[in-house]
Structure formats: structure tokens, C-alpha cells
C-alpha atoms as a PDB file:
ATOM      1  CA  MET A   1      94.850 123.924 131.598  1.00  0.00           C
ATOM      2  CA  ASN A   2      97.001 123.958 128.520  1.00  0.00           C
ATOM      3  CA  LYS A   3      95.468 123.002 125.213  1.00  0.00           C
ATOM      4  CA  GLN A   4      97.228 120.153 123.526  1.00  0.00           C
ATOM      5  CA  GLN A   5      98.559 120.982 120.056  1.00  0.00           C
ATOM      6  CA  PRO A   6      97.247 118.737 117.268  1.00  0.00           C
ATOM      7  CA  ASP A   7      99.657 116.225 115.800  1.00  0.00           C
ATOM      8  CA  LEU A   8     100.074 117.514 112.246  1.00  0.00           C
ATOM      9  CA  ASN A   9     102.272 114.606 111.165  1.00  0.00           C
ATOM     10  CA  ARG A  10      99.493 112.133 111.823  1.00  0.00           C
ATOM     11  CA  ARG A  11      96.969 114.278 109.956  1.00  0.00           C
ATOM     12  CA  SER A  12      99.329 114.596 107.000  1.00  0.00           C
ATOM     13  CA  LEU A  13      99.765 110.835 106.879  1.00  0.00           C
ATOM     14  CA  LEU A  14      95.999 110.243 106.927  1.00  0.00           C
ATOM     15  CA  LYS A  15      95.472 112.817 104.162  1.00  0.00           C
ATOM     16  CA  ALA A  16      98.209 111.234 102.040  1.00  0.00           C
ATOM     17  CA  LEU A  17      96.697 107.762 102.453  1.00  0.00           C
ATOM     18  CA  THR A  18      93.255 109.032 101.460  1.00  0.00           C
ATOM     19  CA  VAL A  19      94.508 110.901  98.393  1.00  0.00           C
ATOM     20  CA  GLY A  20      96.716 107.984  97.364  1.00  0.00           C
ATOM     21  CA  GLY A  21      93.877 105.492  97.656  1.00  0.00           C
ATOM     22  CA  THR A  22      91.534 107.693  95.680  1.00  0.00           C
ATOM     23  CA  ALA A  23      94.119 108.201  92.944  1.00  0.00           C
ATOM     24  CA  THR A  24      94.710 104.452  92.718  1.00  0.00           C
ATOM     25  CA  VAL A  25      91.006 103.751  92.322  1.00  0.00           C
ATOM     26  CA  ALA A  26      90.682 106.472  89.691  1.00  0.00           C
ATOM     27  CA  LEU A  27      93.578 105.057  87.675  1.00  0.00           C
ATOM     28  CA  ALA A  28      92.198 101.555  87.886  1.00  0.00           C
ATOM     29  CA  ALA A  29      88.735 102.680  86.783  1.00  0.00           C
ATOM     30  CA  THR A  30      90.173 104.689  83.900  1.00  0.00           C
ATOM     31  CA  GLY A  31      92.222 101.731  82.695  1.00  0.00           C
ATOM     32  CA  ILE A  32      89.197  99.451  82.709  1.00  0.00           C
ATOM     33  CA  SER A  33      87.046 101.977  80.873  1.00  0.00           C
ATOM     34  CA  ALA A  34      89.689 102.535  78.199  1.00  0.00           C
ATOM     35  CA  ALA A  35      90.031  98.786  77.629  1.00  0.00           C
ATOM     36  CA  GLN A  36      86.276  98.329  77.255  1.00  0.00           C
ATOM     37  CA  ALA A  37      85.982 101.287  74.908  1.00  0.00           C
ATOM     38  CA  THR A  38      88.808  99.964  72.747  1.00  0.00           C
ATOM     39  CA  GLU A  39      87.274  96.497  72.626  1.00  0.00           C
ATOM     40  CA  SER A  40      83.842  97.758  71.594  1.00  0.00           C
ATOM     41  CA  ASN A  41      85.280 100.028  68.886  1.00  0.00           C
ATOM     42  CA  LEU A  42      87.253  97.219  67.252  1.00  0.00           C
ATOM     43  CA  GLY A  43      84.187  95.236  66.147  1.00  0.00           C
ATOM     44  CA  THR A  44      82.283  97.703  63.981  1.00  0.00           C
ATOM     45  CA  LYS A  45      83.386 101.238  63.404  1.00  0.00           C
ATOM     46  CA  SER A  46      80.384 102.289  61.309  1.00  0.00           C
ATOM     47  CA  ALA A  47      77.676 101.148  63.749  1.00  0.00           C
ATOM     48  CA  ASN A  48      75.906 103.985  65.538  1.00  0.00           C
ATOM     49  CA  GLY A  49      73.452 103.851  68.387  1.00  0.00           C
ATOM     50  CA  TYR A  50      72.550 101.004  70.702  1.00  0.00           C
ATOM     51  CA  HIS A  51      73.998  97.568  70.132  1.00  0.00           C
ATOM     52  CA  GLU A  52      73.836  94.635  72.495  1.00  0.00           C
ATOM     53  CA  THR A  53      77.200  93.227  73.528  1.00  0.00           C
ATOM     54  CA  ALA A  54      78.182  90.244  75.657  1.00  0.00           C
ATOM     55  CA  HIS A  55      78.487  92.225  78.884  1.00  0.00           C
ATOM     56  CA  ILE A  56      75.089  93.855  78.308  1.00  0.00           C
ATOM     57  CA  ARG A  57      73.489  90.439  77.718  1.00  0.00           C
ATOM     58  CA  SER A  58      75.029  89.084  80.919  1.00  0.00           C
ATOM     59  CA  TYR A  59      73.661  92.097  82.804  1.00  0.00           C
ATOM     60  CA  TYR A  60      70.172  91.508  81.410  1.00  0.00           C
ATOM     61  CA  ASN A  61      70.411  87.829  82.369  1.00  0.00           C
ATOM     62  CA  SER A  62      71.377  88.760  85.921  1.00  0.00           C
ATOM     63  CA  LEU A  63      68.222  90.866  86.218  1.00  0.00           C
ATOM     64  CA  ARG A  64      65.986  87.941  85.268  1.00  0.00           C
ATOM     65  CA  SER A  65      67.154  85.660  88.046  1.00  0.00           C
END
């Protein structure tokens, strides 16, 4: 019996789709993080440490229900 050679084109396509999807998610996550960091830094530049913001309050409220 002859061994069938693997289809490298199909494997390359699957690898490209996986890498492309991962890169897209990473870019989207980075963009969201940068926007949130910019928004929180605009309010008070001299404040250090913990401060409760709107998204933190909504998270706390979601834990109560």
C-alpha cells in the first residue's frame, strides 16, 4: 500500500486562518484597552491608586444580582 501524501495547501490555509483570526482578536483587544486607558487618564491626572469608575460600579452591581 502506498501512503497518501498530506495536502500541504489545506494545512497552510488552516494555519493562515488561525493566525489571522488570532491577530484580529489581538488588535481588537488592544484598541479597546487603549481607549479605556485614555478615557480614565483624562479625568484626573494626579490621582493615584484605586478609584471607582462607572464600569467598576456596573461590575459590582452585576455581582449583587
